[in-house]
Amino acid sequence: MTVETNGRESVRIEEIADALGVTPQTIWRWRRNGSIPISSKNRGRFYTTEEVELIRQFAEQD
């Protein structure tokens, strides 16, 4: 489910994980390790479409 915040689309971390074939815990671990950006939206539970692209690129090289 994509939501719009301040005119920007945002995606839930669970949806990103599903799309990449990983668990949400994997996304959280990548964040904690500094491998992907830490979103400032809604306590880090949502990512902008630009941030999602960075996460996708990281996942493809992992």
Protein backbone atom coordinates (compact mmCIF):
# COMPACT_ATOMS: atom_id res chain seq x y z
CA MET A 1 0.00 0.00 0.00
CA THR A 2 1.51 3.26 -1.13
CA VAL A 3 0.57 6.33 0.88
CA GLU A 4 1.09 9.97 0.10
CA THR A 5 2.74 12.20 2.67
CA ASN A 6 3.49 15.85 2.00
CA GLY A 7 2.92 15.26 -1.71
CA ARG A 8 5.37 12.33 -1.90
CA GLU A 9 4.53 8.66 -2.28
CA SER A 10 5.77 6.39 0.50
CA VAL A 11 5.89 2.60 0.76
CA ARG A 12 5.65 0.46 3.89
CA ILE A 13 8.72 -1.53 4.88
CA GLU A 14 6.70 -4.79 4.77
CA GLU A 15 5.77 -4.17 1.15
CA ILE A 16 9.36 -3.47 0.21
CA ALA A 17 10.42 -6.73 1.84
CA ASP A 18 7.70 -8.68 0.01
CA ALA A 19 8.69 -7.18 -3.33
CA LEU A 20 12.35 -8.10 -2.76
CA GLY A 21 11.64 -11.58 -1.43
CA VAL A 22 13.14 -10.88 1.99
CA THR A 23 11.67 -10.49 5.45
CA PRO A 24 11.03 -7.13 7.10
CA GLN A 25 13.68 -8.14 9.63
CA THR A 26 16.22 -8.24 6.80
CA ILE A 27 15.32 -4.66 5.87
CA TRP A 28 15.72 -3.62 9.53
CA ARG A 29 19.10 -5.39 9.69
CA TRP A 30 20.30 -3.62 6.53
CA ARG A 31 19.26 -0.32 8.13
CA ARG A 32 21.01 -1.10 11.39
CA ASN A 33 24.20 -2.03 9.49
CA GLY A 34 24.05 1.22 7.52
CA SER A 35 23.69 -0.58 4.19
CA ILE A 36 20.48 1.24 3.25
CA PRO A 37 19.09 4.65 4.18
CA ILE A 38 17.15 5.11 7.38
CA SER A 39 13.84 6.70 6.57
CA SER A 40 12.64 9.53 8.76
CA LYS A 41 9.00 8.94 7.85
CA ASN A 42 6.64 7.54 10.47
CA ARG A 43 9.40 6.19 12.72
CA GLY A 44 11.16 4.62 9.76
CA ARG A 45 8.28 2.41 8.68
CA PHE A 46 7.79 4.14 5.32
CA TYR A 47 10.24 4.86 2.53
CA THR A 48 9.98 7.27 -0.39
CA THR A 49 10.02 5.82 -3.88
CA GLU A 50 13.56 7.18 -4.29
CA GLU A 51 14.69 5.35 -1.15
CA VAL A 52 12.97 2.17 -2.34
CA GLU A 53 15.07 2.30 -5.51
CA LEU A 54 18.27 2.53 -3.42
CA ILE A 55 17.14 -0.46 -1.35
CA ARG A 56 16.34 -2.44 -4.50
CA GLN A 57 19.81 -1.71 -5.90
CA PHE A 58 21.43 -2.85 -2.66
CA ALA A 59 19.33 -6.04 -2.57
CA GLU A 60 20.35 -6.92 -6.12
CA GLN A 61 24.04 -6.76 -5.27
CA ASP A 62 23.73 -8.56 -1.94
